[in-house]
Protein backbone atom coordinates (compact mmCIF):
# COMPACT_ATOMS: atom_id res chain seq x y z
CA UNK A 1 -0.03 0.05 -0.08
CA UNK A 2 1.44 3.46 -0.99
CA UNK A 3 0.23 5.70 1.75
CA UNK A 4 0.91 9.39 1.81
CA UNK A 5 2.97 10.01 4.80
CA UNK A 6 3.11 13.40 6.84
CA UNK A 7 5.82 14.31 9.27
CA UNK A 8 3.29 15.64 11.85
CA UNK A 9 -0.04 14.50 13.09
CA UNK A 10 -3.18 16.38 11.99
CA UNK A 11 -6.25 16.58 14.08
CA UNK A 12 -9.49 16.79 12.23
CA UNK A 13 -12.85 17.62 13.59
CA UNK A 14 -14.42 15.47 10.85
CA UNK A 15 -14.12 14.19 7.31
CA UNK A 16 -16.85 14.75 4.71
CA UNK A 17 -16.31 12.66 1.39
CA UNK A 18 -18.48 12.70 -1.62
CA UNK A 19 -18.70 9.75 -4.13
CA UNK A 20 -15.38 8.31 -3.15
CA UNK A 21 -13.67 5.72 -5.04
CA UNK A 22 -12.30 2.55 -3.43
CA UNK A 23 -8.98 2.52 -5.37
CA UNK A 24 -7.60 4.00 -8.53
CA UNK A 25 -6.76 0.57 -9.94
CA UNK A 26 -10.48 -0.35 -9.70
CA UNK A 27 -11.56 2.86 -11.36
CA UNK A 28 -8.91 2.28 -14.16
CA UNK A 29 -10.10 -1.35 -14.60
CA UNK A 30 -13.67 -0.07 -15.20
CA UNK A 31 -12.46 1.82 -18.33
CA UNK A 32 -9.36 -0.16 -19.29
CA UNK A 33 -9.63 -3.90 -19.16
CA UNK A 34 -5.86 -4.52 -19.75
CA UNK A 35 -4.23 -4.91 -16.25
CA UNK A 36 -0.64 -4.67 -17.79
CA UNK A 37 -1.16 -1.05 -18.86
CA UNK A 38 -2.65 -0.24 -15.37
CA UNK A 39 0.64 -1.66 -13.75
CA UNK A 40 2.85 0.27 -16.05
CA UNK A 41 1.26 3.69 -15.60
CA UNK A 42 -0.02 3.45 -12.10
CA UNK A 43 2.56 4.19 -9.50
CA UNK A 44 0.09 4.77 -6.69
CA UNK A 45 -3.12 2.81 -6.37
CA UNK A 46 -4.78 5.38 -4.05
CA UNK A 47 -6.30 2.27 -1.92
CA UNK A 48 -8.92 4.59 -0.12
CA UNK A 49 -10.76 1.54 0.92
CA UNK A 50 -7.78 0.45 2.97
CA UNK A 51 -6.55 3.85 4.17
CA UNK A 52 -9.94 4.80 5.46
CA UNK A 53 -9.60 2.25 8.19
CA UNK A 54 -7.03 4.52 9.77
CA UNK A 55 -9.36 7.50 10.07
CA UNK A 56 -10.44 8.10 13.71
CA UNK A 57 -12.26 11.37 13.30
CA UNK A 58 -16.12 11.43 12.60
CA UNK A 59 -16.86 10.48 8.91
CA UNK A 60 -19.72 11.66 6.60
CA UNK A 61 -20.09 9.93 3.21
CA UNK A 62 -22.22 11.45 0.51
CA UNK A 63 -23.31 9.10 -2.22
CA UNK A 64 -25.06 9.75 -5.55
CA UNK A 65 -26.65 6.41 -6.33
CA UNK A 66 -26.64 6.84 -10.14
CA UNK A 67 -23.23 8.06 -10.30
CA UNK A 68 -21.90 7.14 -13.84
CA UNK A 69 -18.14 7.78 -12.71
CA UNK A 70 -17.77 6.01 -9.38
CA UNK A 71 -20.14 3.16 -8.61
CA UNK A 72 -22.10 3.57 -5.35
CA UNK A 73 -20.65 0.37 -4.05
CA UNK A 74 -17.32 2.10 -3.64
CA UNK A 75 -18.87 4.45 -1.14
CA UNK A 76 -20.45 1.59 0.76
CA UNK A 77 -17.04 -0.24 0.97
CA UNK A 78 -15.37 2.99 2.08
CA UNK A 79 -18.16 3.51 4.86
CA UNK A 80 -18.03 -0.14 5.98
CA UNK A 81 -14.18 -0.04 6.27
CA UNK A 82 -14.16 3.09 8.47
CA UNK A 83 -13.93 0.93 11.53
CA UNK A 84 -12.13 3.41 13.77
CA UNK A 85 -14.17 6.56 12.97
CA UNK A 86 -15.44 8.24 16.13
CA UNK A 87 -18.83 7.99 14.42
CA UNK A 88 -19.95 7.81 10.93
CA UNK A 89 -23.02 8.63 8.64
CA UNK A 90 -23.80 7.75 5.05
CA UNK A 91 -26.24 9.78 3.13
CA UNK A 92 -27.48 8.33 -0.14
CA UNK A 93 -29.20 10.48 -2.89
CA UNK A 94 -31.35 8.25 -4.97
CA UNK A 95 -31.21 10.20 -8.25
CA UNK A 96 -27.78 11.88 -7.56
CA UNK A 97 -25.08 11.43 -10.10
CA UNK A 98 -21.35 12.36 -9.76
CA UNK A 99 -21.34 16.09 -9.61
CA UNK A 100 -25.03 17.31 -9.03
CA UNK A 101 -25.84 16.38 -5.44
CA UNK A 102 -25.57 19.92 -4.17
CA UNK A 103 -27.95 21.05 -7.10
CA UNK A 104 -30.59 18.33 -6.98
CA UNK A 105 -30.94 17.95 -3.32
CA UNK A 106 -29.84 21.32 -2.13
CA UNK A 107 -31.78 21.22 1.19
CA UNK A 108 -30.86 17.71 2.00
CA UNK A 109 -27.25 18.01 0.91
CA UNK A 110 -26.51 21.16 2.89
CA UNK A 111 -28.72 20.01 5.83
CA UNK A 112 -26.72 16.86 5.99
CA UNK A 113 -23.35 18.71 6.04
CA UNK A 114 -24.55 21.19 8.58
CA UNK A 115 -25.98 18.48 10.96
CA UNK A 116 -22.75 16.48 10.67
CA UNK A 117 -20.55 19.67 11.30
CA UNK A 118 -22.75 20.53 14.46
CA UNK A 119 -22.42 16.96 15.71
CA UNK A 120 -18.73 17.20 15.20
CA UNK A 121 -18.38 20.50 17.20
CA UNK A 122 -20.08 18.99 20.26
C-alpha cells in the first residue's frame, strides 16, 4: 500500500467525502480492461478503501446512487471499512450522479453537512 505520509499529526474535527472511489486501480479497470497497462502507468493505487480504516475522526459519506463515474458500491465499502471513525454517517441521494448532489438535493445536501458539522463541534 502506497500511503501518503506526513511528518506531523493532523487533528481533524471531521471528514466529509462525496462519491469516493475505493481504489484507483479499480477505477482504471472499469475503463481499461488490460491490467498490464495499469501496472505500467499507475505508481500509486490510492487504496482509499484500505486507508479509511486508519481514520479516527467522525466521517460523513455522501453518495449519488446513479453516479456514472464512481459506482455507489465504492462509497459503501469505504463506509464499511471506516471501523475506527469516532462516528460515521452515510447519506444516499437516490437520483444523484457524480457532480450534482448539491444542485438536485440542495436542502438535504446542505442540511446533512450542517448536521454533521454541528455533531462534530460538540
